[in-house]
PDB file of N, CA and C in Angstrom:
ATOM      1  N   UNK A   1      21.432  27.813  -7.052  1.00  0.00           N
ATOM      2  CA  UNK A   1      21.133  26.684  -6.203  1.00  0.00           C
ATOM      3  C   UNK A   1      19.627  26.533  -5.975  1.00  0.00           C
ATOM      4  N   UNK A   2      18.892  27.616  -5.996  1.00  0.00           N
ATOM      5  CA  UNK A   2      17.450  27.560  -5.778  1.00  0.00           C
ATOM      6  C   UNK A   2      16.734  26.793  -6.887  1.00  0.00           C
ATOM      7  N   UNK A   3      17.242  26.886  -8.108  1.00  0.00           N
ATOM      8  CA  UNK A   3      16.629  26.180  -9.228  1.00  0.00           C
ATOM      9  C   UNK A   3      16.736  24.663  -9.036  1.00  0.00           C
ATOM     10  N   UNK A   4      17.912  24.200  -8.595  1.00  0.00           N
ATOM     11  CA  UNK A   4      18.097  22.770  -8.363  1.00  0.00           C
ATOM     12  C   UNK A   4      17.193  22.279  -7.240  1.00  0.00           C
ATOM     13  N   UNK A   5      17.036  23.070  -6.245  1.00  0.00           N
ATOM     14  CA  UNK A   5      16.163  22.707  -5.129  1.00  0.00           C
ATOM     15  C   UNK A   5      14.711  22.605  -5.596  1.00  0.00           C
ATOM     16  N   UNK A   6      14.291  23.537  -6.427  1.00  0.00           N
ATOM     17  CA  UNK A   6      12.925  23.507  -6.954  1.00  0.00           C
ATOM     18  C   UNK A   6      12.714  22.266  -7.819  1.00  0.00           C
ATOM     19  N   UNK A   7      13.674  21.945  -8.673  1.00  0.00           N
ATOM     20  CA  UNK A   7      13.565  20.753  -9.527  1.00  0.00           C
ATOM     21  C   UNK A   7      13.531  19.495  -8.667  1.00  0.00           C
ATOM     22  N   UNK A   8      14.367  19.432  -7.654  1.00  0.00           N
ATOM     23  CA  UNK A   8      14.390  18.275  -6.762  1.00  0.00           C
ATOM     24  C   UNK A   8      13.062  18.123  -6.027  1.00  0.00           C
ATOM     25  N   UNK A   9      12.512  19.210  -5.551  1.00  0.00           N
ATOM     26  CA  UNK A   9      11.224  19.146  -4.850  1.00  0.00           C
ATOM     27  C   UNK A   9      10.104  18.700  -5.784  1.00  0.00           C
ATOM     28  N   UNK A  10      10.134  19.155  -7.017  1.00  0.00           N
ATOM     29  CA  UNK A  10       9.119  18.732  -7.993  1.00  0.00           C
ATOM     30  C   UNK A  10       9.226  17.240  -8.251  1.00  0.00           C
ATOM     31  N   UNK A  11      10.431  16.737  -8.408  1.00  0.00           N
ATOM     32  CA  UNK A  11      10.630  15.306  -8.656  1.00  0.00           C
ATOM     33  C   UNK A  11      10.177  14.484  -7.447  1.00  0.00           C
ATOM     34  N   UNK A  12      10.525  14.922  -6.253  1.00  0.00           N
ATOM     35  CA  UNK A  12      10.116  14.216  -5.031  1.00  0.00           C
ATOM     36  C   UNK A  12       8.595  14.220  -4.906  1.00  0.00           C
ATOM     37  N   UNK A  13       7.969  15.348  -5.170  1.00  0.00           N
ATOM     38  CA  UNK A  13       6.506  15.435  -5.088  1.00  0.00           C
ATOM     39  C   UNK A  13       5.856  14.529  -6.127  1.00  0.00           C
ATOM     40  N   UNK A  14       6.423  14.458  -7.318  1.00  0.00           N
ATOM     41  CA  UNK A  14       5.880  13.597  -8.369  1.00  0.00           C
ATOM     42  C   UNK A  14       5.976  12.130  -7.974  1.00  0.00           C
ATOM     43  N   UNK A  15       7.115  11.717  -7.468  1.00  0.00           N
ATOM     44  CA  UNK A  15       7.295  10.323  -7.041  1.00  0.00           C
ATOM     45  C   UNK A  15       6.347  10.000  -5.882  1.00  0.00           C
ATOM     46  N   UNK A  16       6.233  10.913  -4.929  1.00  0.00           N
ATOM     47  CA  UNK A  16       5.323  10.687  -3.801  1.00  0.00           C
ATOM     48  C   UNK A  16       3.871  10.614  -4.277  1.00  0.00           C
ATOM     49  N   UNK A  17       3.488  11.430  -5.233  1.00  0.00           N
ATOM     50  CA  UNK A  17       2.125  11.395  -5.775  1.00  0.00           C
ATOM     51  C   UNK A  17       1.826  10.096  -6.489  1.00  0.00           C
ATOM     52  N   UNK A  18       2.780   9.604  -7.252  1.00  0.00           N
ATOM     53  CA  UNK A  18       2.595   8.330  -7.951  1.00  0.00           C
ATOM     54  C   UNK A  18       2.457   7.198  -6.941  1.00  0.00           C
ATOM     55  N   UNK A  19       3.318   7.180  -5.929  1.00  0.00           N
ATOM     56  CA  UNK A  19       3.255   6.130  -4.907  1.00  0.00           C
ATOM     57  C   UNK A  19       1.933   6.182  -4.147  1.00  0.00           C
ATOM     58  N   UNK A  20       1.511   7.365  -3.757  1.00  0.00           N
ATOM     59  CA  UNK A  20       0.252   7.510  -3.032  1.00  0.00           C
ATOM     60  C   UNK A  20      -0.938   7.126  -3.914  1.00  0.00           C
ATOM     61  N   UNK A  21      -0.910   7.535  -5.162  1.00  0.00           N
ATOM     62  CA  UNK A  21      -1.979   7.170  -6.089  1.00  0.00           C
ATOM     63  C   UNK A  21      -2.079   5.675  -6.295  1.00  0.00           C
ATOM     64  N   UNK A  22      -0.927   5.008  -6.433  1.00  0.00           N
ATOM     65  CA  UNK A  22      -0.925   3.556  -6.582  1.00  0.00           C
ATOM     66  C   UNK A  22      -1.511   2.885  -5.352  1.00  0.00           C
ATOM     67  N   UNK A  23      -1.095   3.338  -4.174  1.00  0.00           N
ATOM     68  CA  UNK A  23      -1.587   2.753  -2.931  1.00  0.00           C
ATOM     69  C   UNK A  23      -3.105   2.937  -2.794  1.00  0.00           C
ATOM     70  N   UNK A  24      -3.596   4.141  -3.056  1.00  0.00           N
ATOM     71  CA  UNK A  24      -5.034   4.399  -2.936  1.00  0.00           C
ATOM     72  C   UNK A  24      -5.838   3.616  -3.971  1.00  0.00           C
ATOM     73  N   UNK A  25      -5.328   3.505  -5.182  1.00  0.00           N
ATOM     74  CA  UNK A  25      -6.027   2.730  -6.216  1.00  0.00           C
ATOM     75  C   UNK A  25      -6.075   1.253  -5.834  1.00  0.00           C
ATOM     76  N   UNK A  26      -4.993   0.752  -5.272  1.00  0.00           N
ATOM     77  CA  UNK A  26      -4.948  -0.649  -4.853  1.00  0.00           C
ATOM     78  C   UNK A  26      -5.944  -0.903  -3.729  1.00  0.00           C
ATOM     79  N   UNK A  27      -5.982  -0.017  -2.750  1.00  0.00           N
ATOM     80  CA  UNK A  27      -6.923  -0.152  -1.644  1.00  0.00           C
ATOM     81  C   UNK A  27      -8.366  -0.107  -2.147  1.00  0.00           C
ATOM     82  N   UNK A  28      -8.631   0.790  -3.063  1.00  0.00           N
ATOM     83  CA  UNK A  28      -9.969   0.919  -3.623  1.00  0.00           C
ATOM     84  C   UNK A  28     -10.380  -0.357  -4.359  1.00  0.00           C
ATOM     85  N   UNK A  29      -9.476  -0.916  -5.143  1.00  0.00           N
ATOM     86  CA  UNK A  29      -9.780  -2.139  -5.885  1.00  0.00           C
ATOM     87  C   UNK A  29      -9.983  -3.325  -4.944  1.00  0.00           C
ATOM     88  N   UNK A  30      -9.179  -3.422  -3.909  1.00  0.00           N
ATOM     89  CA  UNK A  30      -9.337  -4.518  -2.939  1.00  0.00           C
ATOM     90  C   UNK A  30     -10.688  -4.415  -2.233  1.00  0.00           C
ATOM     91  N   UNK A  31     -11.102  -3.201  -1.884  1.00  0.00           N
ATOM     92  CA  UNK A  31     -12.395  -3.004  -1.233  1.00  0.00           C
ATOM     93  C   UNK A  31     -13.525  -3.391  -2.180  1.00  0.00           C
ATOM     94  N   UNK A  32     -13.418  -2.985  -3.446  1.00  0.00           N
ATOM     95  CA  UNK A  32     -14.444  -3.310  -4.437  1.00  0.00           C
ATOM     96  C   UNK A  32     -14.561  -4.821  -4.623  1.00  0.00           C
ATOM     97  N   UNK A  33     -13.429  -5.510  -4.746  1.00  0.00           N
ATOM     98  CA  UNK A  33     -13.472  -6.962  -4.938  1.00  0.00           C
ATOM     99  C   UNK A  33     -13.991  -7.678  -3.702  1.00  0.00           C
ATOM    100  N   UNK A  34     -13.745  -7.119  -2.528  1.00  0.00           N
ATOM    101  CA  UNK A  34     -14.269  -7.730  -1.308  1.00  0.00           C
ATOM    102  C   UNK A  34     -15.790  -7.584  -1.255  1.00  0.00           C
ATOM    103  N   UNK A  35     -16.311  -6.431  -1.656  1.00  0.00           N
ATOM    104  CA  UNK A  35     -17.755  -6.193  -1.631  1.00  0.00           C
ATOM    105  C   UNK A  35     -18.467  -6.861  -2.803  1.00  0.00           C
ATOM    106  N   UNK A  36     -17.805  -6.982  -3.956  1.00  0.00           N
ATOM    107  CA  UNK A  36     -18.406  -7.547  -5.170  1.00  0.00           C
ATOM    108  C   UNK A  36     -17.481  -8.601  -5.759  1.00  0.00           C
ATOM    109  N   UNK A  37     -17.473  -9.804  -5.178  1.00  0.00           N
ATOM    110  CA  UNK A  37     -16.569 -10.828  -5.696  1.00  0.00           C
ATOM    111  C   UNK A  37     -16.960 -11.240  -7.120  1.00  0.00           C
ATOM    112  N   UNK A  38     -15.987 -11.631  -7.936  1.00  0.00           N
ATOM    113  CA  UNK A  38     -16.301 -12.065  -9.294  1.00  0.00           C
ATOM    114  C   UNK A  38     -17.134 -13.348  -9.264  1.00  0.00           C
ATOM    115  N   UNK A  39     -17.950 -13.542 -10.267  1.00  0.00           N
ATOM    116  CA  UNK A  39     -18.831 -14.707 -10.333  1.00  0.00           C
ATOM    117  C   UNK A  39     -18.010 -15.942 -10.683  1.00  0.00           C
ATOM    118  N   UNK A  40     -18.251 -17.022  -9.942  1.00  0.00           N
ATOM    119  CA  UNK A  40     -17.585 -18.286 -10.240  1.00  0.00           C
ATOM    120  C   UNK A  40     -18.642 -19.370 -10.470  1.00  0.00           C
ATOM    121  N   UNK A  41     -18.195 -20.570 -10.752  1.00  0.00           N
ATOM    122  CA  UNK A  41     -19.135 -21.654 -11.081  1.00  0.00           C
ATOM    123  C   UNK A  41     -20.058 -21.984  -9.919  1.00  0.00           C
ATOM    124  N   UNK A  42     -19.542 -21.924  -8.710  1.00  0.00           N
ATOM    125  CA  UNK A  42     -20.383 -22.221  -7.541  1.00  0.00           C
ATOM    126  C   UNK A  42     -21.518 -21.213  -7.410  1.00  0.00           C
ATOM    127  N   UNK A  43     -21.256 -19.946  -7.679  1.00  0.00           N
ATOM    128  CA  UNK A  43     -22.309 -18.925  -7.615  1.00  0.00           C
ATOM    129  C   UNK A  43     -23.381 -19.191  -8.673  1.00  0.00           C
ATOM    130  N   UNK A  44     -22.968 -19.620  -9.848  1.00  0.00           N
ATOM    131  CA  UNK A  44     -23.940 -19.923 -10.911  1.00  0.00           C
ATOM    132  C   UNK A  44     -24.825 -21.087 -10.479  1.00  0.00           C
ATOM    133  N   UNK A  45     -24.226 -22.113  -9.881  1.00  0.00           N
ATOM    134  CA  UNK A  45     -25.016 -23.257  -9.412  1.00  0.00           C
ATOM    135  C   UNK A  45     -26.036 -22.820  -8.362  1.00  0.00           C
ATOM    136  N   UNK A  46     -25.618 -21.969  -7.435  1.00  0.00           N
ATOM    137  CA  UNK A  46     -26.517 -21.501  -6.374  1.00  0.00           C
ATOM    138  C   UNK A  46     -27.651 -20.665  -6.978  1.00  0.00           C
ATOM    139  N   UNK A  47     -27.318 -19.770  -7.926  1.00  0.00           N
ATOM    140  CA  UNK A  47     -28.362 -18.943  -8.543  1.00  0.00           C
ATOM    141  C   UNK A  47     -29.386 -19.807  -9.280  1.00  0.00           C
ATOM    142  N   UNK A  48     -28.909 -20.800 -10.025  1.00  0.00           N
ATOM    143  CA  UNK A  48     -29.842 -21.661 -10.757  1.00  0.00           C
ATOM    144  C   UNK A  48     -30.672 -22.509  -9.799  1.00  0.00           C
ATOM    145  N   UNK A  49     -30.076 -22.941  -8.696  1.00  0.00           N
ATOM    146  CA  UNK A  49     -30.824 -23.708  -7.698  1.00  0.00           C
ATOM    147  C   UNK A  49     -31.909 -22.841  -7.059  1.00  0.00           C
ATOM    148  N   UNK A  50     -31.615 -21.568  -6.851  1.00  0.00           N
ATOM    149  CA  UNK A  50     -32.617 -20.663  -6.279  1.00  0.00           C
ATOM    150  C   UNK A  50     -33.775 -20.447  -7.250  1.00  0.00           C
ATOM    151  N   UNK A  51     -33.498 -20.573  -8.549  1.00  0.00           N
ATOM    152  CA  UNK A  51     -34.563 -20.436  -9.546  1.00  0.00           C
ATOM    153  C   UNK A  51     -35.320 -21.744  -9.747  1.00  0.00           C
ATOM    154  N   UNK A  52     -34.954 -22.779  -9.003  1.00  0.00           N
ATOM    155  CA  UNK A  52     -35.661 -24.042  -9.095  1.00  0.00           C
ATOM    156  C   UNK A  52     -35.125 -24.967 -10.172  1.00  0.00           C
ATOM    157  N   UNK A  53     -33.919 -24.739 -10.637  1.00  0.00           N
ATOM    158  CA  UNK A  53     -33.323 -25.579 -11.672  1.00  0.00           C
ATOM    159  C   UNK A  53     -32.110 -26.297 -11.105  1.00  0.00           C
ATOM    160  N   UNK A  54     -31.884 -27.503 -11.579  1.00  0.00           N
ATOM    161  CA  UNK A  54     -30.661 -28.222 -11.225  1.00  0.00           C
ATOM    162  C   UNK A  54     -29.799 -28.248 -12.478  1.00  0.00           C
ATOM    163  N   UNK A  55     -28.791 -27.380 -12.528  1.00  0.00           N
ATOM    164  CA  UNK A  55     -27.996 -27.266 -13.752  1.00  0.00           C
ATOM    165  C   UNK A  55     -27.040 -28.435 -13.941  1.00  0.00           C
ATOM    166  N   UNK A  56     -26.852 -28.801 -15.195  1.00  0.00           N
ATOM    167  CA  UNK A  56     -25.834 -29.801 -15.505  1.00  0.00           C
ATOM    168  C   UNK A  56     -24.483 -29.087 -15.585  1.00  0.00           C
ATOM    169  N   UNK A  57     -23.433 -29.863 -15.595  1.00  0.00           N
ATOM    170  CA  UNK A  57     -22.087 -29.282 -15.682  1.00  0.00           C
ATOM    171  C   UNK A  57     -21.923 -28.531 -17.001  1.00  0.00           C
ATOM    172  N   UNK A  58     -22.539 -29.043 -18.051  1.00  0.00           N
ATOM    173  CA  UNK A  58     -22.464 -28.392 -19.364  1.00  0.00           C
ATOM    174  C   UNK A  58     -23.103 -27.002 -19.315  1.00  0.00           C
ATOM    175  N   UNK A  59     -24.258 -26.898 -18.659  1.00  0.00           N
ATOM    176  CA  UNK A  59     -24.935 -25.602 -18.555  1.00  0.00           C
ATOM    177  C   UNK A  59     -24.095 -24.597 -17.757  1.00  0.00           C
ATOM    178  N   UNK A  60     -23.473 -25.068 -16.688  1.00  0.00           N
ATOM    179  CA  UNK A  60     -22.645 -24.189 -15.866  1.00  0.00           C
ATOM    180  C   UNK A  60     -21.471 -23.685 -16.691  1.00  0.00           C
ATOM    181  N   UNK A  61     -20.831 -24.571 -17.440  1.00  0.00           N
ATOM    182  CA  UNK A  61     -19.684 -24.172 -18.269  1.00  0.00           C
ATOM    183  C   UNK A  61     -20.113 -23.203 -19.379  1.00  0.00           C
ATOM    184  N   UNK A  62     -21.309 -23.407 -19.944  1.00  0.00           N
ATOM    185  CA  UNK A  62     -21.815 -22.480 -20.961  1.00  0.00           C
ATOM    186  C   UNK A  62     -22.037 -21.098 -20.372  1.00  0.00           C
ATOM    187  N   UNK A  63     -22.606 -21.039 -19.181  1.00  0.00           N
ATOM    188  CA  UNK A  63     -22.834 -19.748 -18.526  1.00  0.00           C
ATOM    189  C   UNK A  63     -21.509 -19.043 -18.242  1.00  0.00           C
ATOM    190  N   UNK A  64     -20.514 -19.786 -17.754  1.00  0.00           N
ATOM    191  CA  UNK A  64     -19.200 -19.198 -17.480  1.00  0.00           C
ATOM    192  C   UNK A  64     -18.575 -18.676 -18.771  1.00  0.00           C
ATOM    193  N   UNK A  65     -18.710 -19.431 -19.854  1.00  0.00           N
ATOM    194  CA  UNK A  65     -18.149 -19.002 -21.144  1.00  0.00           C
ATOM    195  C   UNK A  65     -18.827 -17.714 -21.612  1.00  0.00           C
ATOM    196  N   UNK A  66     -20.146 -17.628 -21.451  1.00  0.00           N
ATOM    197  CA  UNK A  66     -20.877 -16.424 -21.848  1.00  0.00           C
ATOM    198  C   UNK A  66     -20.443 -15.225 -21.005  1.00  0.00           C
ATOM    199  N   UNK A  67     -20.311 -15.419 -19.704  1.00  0.00           N
ATOM    200  CA  UNK A  67     -19.889 -14.320 -18.832  1.00  0.00           C
ATOM    201  C   UNK A  67     -18.469 -13.863 -19.172  1.00  0.00           C
ATOM    202  N   UNK A  68     -17.580 -14.812 -19.440  1.00  0.00           N
ATOM    203  CA  UNK A  68     -16.213 -14.447 -19.810  1.00  0.00           C
ATOM    204  C   UNK A  68     -16.187 -13.701 -21.135  1.00  0.00           C
ATOM    205  N   UNK A  69     -17.039 -14.101 -22.067  1.00  0.00           N
ATOM    206  CA  UNK A  69     -17.114 -13.431 -23.368  1.00  0.00           C
ATOM    207  C   UNK A  69     -17.587 -11.985 -23.191  1.00  0.00           C
ATOM    208  N   UNK A  70     -18.582 -11.773 -22.337  1.00  0.00           N
ATOM    209  CA  UNK A  70     -19.093 -10.432 -22.062  1.00  0.00           C
ATOM    210  C   UNK A  70     -18.008  -9.573 -21.410  1.00  0.00           C
ATOM    211  N   UNK A  71     -17.296 -10.160 -20.447  1.00  0.00           N
ATOM    212  CA  UNK A  71     -16.236  -9.412 -19.763  1.00  0.00           C
ATOM    213  C   UNK A  71     -15.106  -9.054 -20.719  1.00  0.00           C
ATOM    214  N   UNK A  72     -14.787  -9.940 -21.650  1.00  0.00           N
ATOM    215  CA  UNK A  72     -13.711  -9.647 -22.623  1.00  0.00           C
ATOM    216  C   UNK A  72     -14.115  -8.510 -23.544  1.00  0.00           C
ATOM    217  N   UNK A  73     -15.387  -8.420 -23.902  1.00  0.00           N
ATOM    218  CA  UNK A  73     -15.848  -7.341 -24.761  1.00  0.00           C
ATOM    219  C   UNK A  73     -15.768  -5.999 -24.045  1.00  0.00           C
ATOM    220  N   UNK A  74     -15.981  -5.982 -22.735  1.00  0.00           N
ATOM    221  CA  UNK A  74     -15.977  -4.742 -21.970  1.00  0.00           C
ATOM    222  C   UNK A  74     -14.577  -4.199 -21.750  1.00  0.00           C
ATOM    223  N   UNK A  75     -13.561  -5.013 -21.929  1.00  0.00           N
ATOM    224  CA  UNK A  75     -12.186  -4.555 -21.698  1.00  0.00           C
ATOM    225  C   UNK A  75     -11.671  -3.747 -22.813  1.00  0.00           C
TER     226      UNK A  75
END
């Protein structure tokens, strides 16, 4: 009977570890995204305006395409 108890405890500990790991990873990712939001078109417009440029819609879309291309390569 002790062997079954040991196997059961190992399985319970494994399931609890997976659940806890998932929860902590999710919390960590949510915190990261809150502190470092992904770049969107509005952010690009603001950055270009701060540099003294008034971007056209075409330029904004080109920048977004370039950023998406870079992000796809990193995956």
